[in-house]
Amino acid sequence: MPMLRVVRRPTLIDPRHFLQYCFRTEEQVRQARKILSEIARRGSVPDREWECFLVSSRGLYTKVMRTLREFGLVEKREGHFTLSREFSASLRRMADYWDGVYESVKRGEPVEF
């Protein structure tokens, strides 16, 4: 499972900054930018054209694409890669859950972690 780095005051000047919270290395960020840019430019990319995403190696592409899909930033439907809204939907669900926990504690209800 990929890990998202969460900070109190994220710097989100451009997409590269956003991706630095999702990936550990600059090489992975560069690969993710290539994938996301190509999908955004074309709207959808057939999975058989995966080589258009390559930055340096198939291994890097595979790792980064898996992470993008697990985060819910990219999805594959009917053999095409497209951008996805699942990432933001998942974050909203987590935020709503935490709001519920916070409100329960404020009301004095027992909460167990």
C-alpha atoms as a PDB file:
ATOM      1  CA  MET A   1       0.000   0.000   0.000  1.00  0.00           C
ATOM      2  CA  PRO A   2       1.416   3.388  -0.932  1.00  0.00           C
ATOM      3  CA  MET A   3       1.940   5.915   1.815  1.00  0.00           C
ATOM      4  CA  LEU A   4       0.898   9.520   1.457  1.00  0.00           C
ATOM      5  CA  ARG A   5       3.034  12.067   3.298  1.00  0.00           C
ATOM      6  CA  VAL A   6       0.648  14.398   5.109  1.00  0.00           C
ATOM      7  CA  VAL A   7       1.747  17.744   6.495  1.00  0.00           C
ATOM      8  CA  ARG A   8      -0.156  20.542   8.202  1.00  0.00           C
ATOM      9  CA  ARG A   9       0.527  23.171   5.592  1.00  0.00           C
ATOM     10  CA  PRO A  10       1.209  21.507   2.250  1.00  0.00           C
ATOM     11  CA  THR A  11       2.887  23.506  -0.472  1.00  0.00           C
ATOM     12  CA  LEU A  12       0.827  22.993  -3.592  1.00  0.00           C
ATOM     13  CA  ILE A  13       2.255  25.534  -5.998  1.00  0.00           C
ATOM     14  CA  ASP A  14       2.166  23.145  -8.931  1.00  0.00           C
ATOM     15  CA  PRO A  15       1.513  19.433  -9.619  1.00  0.00           C
ATOM     16  CA  ARG A  16       5.154  18.529  -8.935  1.00  0.00           C
ATOM     17  CA  HIS A  17       4.763  19.687  -5.332  1.00  0.00           C
ATOM     18  CA  PHE A  18       1.624  17.573  -4.970  1.00  0.00           C
ATOM     19  CA  LEU A  19       3.404  14.502  -6.310  1.00  0.00           C
ATOM     20  CA  GLN A  20       6.280  14.945  -3.853  1.00  0.00           C
ATOM     21  CA  TYR A  21       3.787  14.025  -1.104  1.00  0.00           C
ATOM     22  CA  CYS A  22       2.942  10.791  -2.967  1.00  0.00           C
ATOM     23  CA  PHE A  23       6.377   9.530  -4.033  1.00  0.00           C
ATOM     24  CA  ARG A  24       9.709   9.073  -2.283  1.00  0.00           C
ATOM     25  CA  THR A  25      12.174   9.960  -5.024  1.00  0.00           C
ATOM     26  CA  GLU A  26      12.480  12.696  -7.623  1.00  0.00           C
ATOM     27  CA  GLU A  27      12.760   9.991 -10.295  1.00  0.00           C
ATOM     28  CA  GLN A  28       9.362   8.601  -9.240  1.00  0.00           C
ATOM     29  CA  VAL A  29       7.888  12.121  -9.305  1.00  0.00           C
ATOM     30  CA  ARG A  30       9.277  12.616 -12.815  1.00  0.00           C
ATOM     31  CA  GLN A  31       7.733   9.309 -13.934  1.00  0.00           C
ATOM     32  CA  ALA A  32       4.372  10.169 -12.357  1.00  0.00           C
ATOM     33  CA  ARG A  33       4.390  13.581 -14.056  1.00  0.00           C
ATOM     34  CA  LYS A  34       4.979  11.905 -17.425  1.00  0.00           C
ATOM     35  CA  ILE A  35       2.087   9.472 -16.909  1.00  0.00           C
ATOM     36  CA  LEU A  36      -0.371  12.059 -15.617  1.00  0.00           C
ATOM     37  CA  SER A  37       0.584  14.638 -18.255  1.00  0.00           C
ATOM     38  CA  GLU A  38       0.143  12.171 -21.095  1.00  0.00           C
ATOM     39  CA  ILE A  39      -3.258  11.009 -19.820  1.00  0.00           C
ATOM     40  CA  ALA A  40      -4.413  14.598 -19.229  1.00  0.00           C
ATOM     41  CA  ARG A  41      -3.239  15.669 -22.691  1.00  0.00           C
ATOM     42  CA  ARG A  42      -4.935  12.782 -24.482  1.00  0.00           C
ATOM     43  CA  GLY A  43      -7.906  12.225 -22.165  1.00  0.00           C
ATOM     44  CA  SER A  44      -7.361   8.480 -22.220  1.00  0.00           C
ATOM     45  CA  VAL A  45      -4.482   6.247 -23.226  1.00  0.00           C
ATOM     46  CA  PRO A  46      -4.911   2.644 -24.410  1.00  0.00           C
ATOM     47  CA  ASP A  47      -3.023   0.271 -22.109  1.00  0.00           C
ATOM     48  CA  ARG A  48      -1.273  -1.274 -25.121  1.00  0.00           C
ATOM     49  CA  GLU A  49       0.506   2.094 -25.591  1.00  0.00           C
ATOM     50  CA  TRP A  50       2.116   1.921 -22.132  1.00  0.00           C
ATOM     51  CA  GLU A  51       5.560   2.566 -23.608  1.00  0.00           C
ATOM     52  CA  CYS A  52       4.589   6.214 -24.247  1.00  0.00           C
ATOM     53  CA  PHE A  53       4.789   6.668 -20.459  1.00  0.00           C
ATOM     54  CA  LEU A  54       8.389   5.465 -20.062  1.00  0.00           C
ATOM     55  CA  VAL A  55      10.906   7.857 -18.565  1.00  0.00           C
ATOM     56  CA  SER A  56      13.803   5.538 -17.793  1.00  0.00           C
ATOM     57  CA  SER A  57      12.754   1.923 -17.212  1.00  0.00           C
ATOM     58  CA  ARG A  58       9.833  -0.448 -17.309  1.00  0.00           C
ATOM     59  CA  GLY A  59      10.340  -1.212 -13.604  1.00  0.00           C
ATOM     60  CA  LEU A  60      10.012   2.437 -12.614  1.00  0.00           C
ATOM     61  CA  TYR A  61       6.945   2.828 -14.826  1.00  0.00           C
ATOM     62  CA  THR A  62       5.331  -0.270 -13.294  1.00  0.00           C
ATOM     63  CA  LYS A  63       5.980   0.854  -9.712  1.00  0.00           C
ATOM     64  CA  VAL A  64       4.725   4.390 -10.273  1.00  0.00           C
ATOM     65  CA  MET A  65       1.648   3.339 -12.275  1.00  0.00           C
ATOM     66  CA  ARG A  66       0.726   0.850  -9.540  1.00  0.00           C
ATOM     67  CA  THR A  67       0.996   3.619  -6.954  1.00  0.00           C
ATOM     68  CA  LEU A  68      -1.047   6.066  -9.048  1.00  0.00           C
ATOM     69  CA  ARG A  69      -3.778   3.442  -9.423  1.00  0.00           C
ATOM     70  CA  GLU A  70      -3.718   2.466  -5.733  1.00  0.00           C
ATOM     71  CA  PHE A  71      -4.014   6.125  -4.714  1.00  0.00           C
ATOM     72  CA  GLY A  72      -6.964   6.486  -7.075  1.00  0.00           C
ATOM     73  CA  LEU A  73      -5.349   9.122  -9.292  1.00  0.00           C
ATOM     74  CA  VAL A  74      -5.450   6.894 -12.386  1.00  0.00           C
ATOM     75  CA  GLU A  75      -7.867   4.142 -13.324  1.00  0.00           C
ATOM     76  CA  LYS A  76      -7.998   1.583 -16.083  1.00  0.00           C
ATOM     77  CA  ARG A  77     -11.347   0.916 -17.708  1.00  0.00           C
ATOM     78  CA  GLU A  78     -11.969  -1.151 -20.795  1.00  0.00           C
ATOM     79  CA  GLY A  79      -8.264  -1.186 -21.612  1.00  0.00           C
ATOM     80  CA  HIS A  80      -7.735   2.588 -21.280  1.00  0.00           C
ATOM     81  CA  PHE A  81      -5.972   4.618 -18.616  1.00  0.00           C
ATOM     82  CA  THR A  82      -7.802   7.770 -17.488  1.00  0.00           C
ATOM     83  CA  LEU A  83      -7.586  10.199 -14.603  1.00  0.00           C
ATOM     84  CA  SER A  84      -9.758   9.296 -11.613  1.00  0.00           C
ATOM     85  CA  ARG A  85     -11.565  11.164  -8.832  1.00  0.00           C
ATOM     86  CA  GLU A  86     -11.207   8.297  -6.340  1.00  0.00           C
ATOM     87  CA  PHE A  87      -8.272   9.973  -4.608  1.00  0.00           C
ATOM     88  CA  SER A  88     -10.282  13.023  -3.586  1.00  0.00           C
ATOM     89  CA  ALA A  89     -13.317  10.888  -2.711  1.00  0.00           C
ATOM     90  CA  SER A  90     -11.156   8.723  -0.430  1.00  0.00           C
ATOM     91  CA  LEU A  91      -9.660  11.762   1.290  1.00  0.00           C
ATOM     92  CA  ARG A  92     -13.153  13.171   1.874  1.00  0.00           C
ATOM     93  CA  ARG A  93     -14.286   9.875   3.433  1.00  0.00           C
ATOM     94  CA  MET A  94     -11.235   9.850   5.741  1.00  0.00           C
ATOM     95  CA  ALA A  95     -11.799  13.491   6.684  1.00  0.00           C
ATOM     96  CA  ASP A  96     -15.489  12.802   7.418  1.00  0.00           C
ATOM     97  CA  TYR A  97     -14.522   9.814   9.542  1.00  0.00           C
ATOM     98  CA  TRP A  98     -12.049  11.887  11.555  1.00  0.00           C
ATOM     99  CA  ASP A  99     -14.621  14.666  12.009  1.00  0.00           C
ATOM    100  CA  GLY A 100     -16.958  12.048  13.488  1.00  0.00           C
ATOM    101  CA  VAL A 101     -14.283  10.816  15.889  1.00  0.00           C
ATOM    102  CA  TYR A 102     -13.431  14.377  16.879  1.00  0.00           C
ATOM    103  CA  GLU A 103     -17.084  15.262  17.527  1.00  0.00           C
ATOM    104  CA  SER A 104     -17.599  12.085  19.581  1.00  0.00           C
ATOM    105  CA  VAL A 105     -14.648  12.988  21.809  1.00  0.00           C
ATOM    106  CA  LYS A 106     -15.912  16.563  22.183  1.00  0.00           C
ATOM    107  CA  ARG A 107     -19.304  15.175  23.333  1.00  0.00           C
ATOM    108  CA  GLY A 108     -17.511  13.016  25.900  1.00  0.00           C
ATOM    109  CA  GLU A 109     -18.360   9.733  24.195  1.00  0.00           C
ATOM    110  CA  PRO A 110     -15.821   6.933  24.575  1.00  0.00           C
ATOM    111  CA  VAL A 111     -13.633   6.402  21.545  1.00  0.00           C
ATOM    112  CA  GLU A 112     -11.159   3.571  21.302  1.00  0.00           C
ATOM    113  CA  PHE A 113      -8.177   3.530  18.963  1.00  0.00           C
END
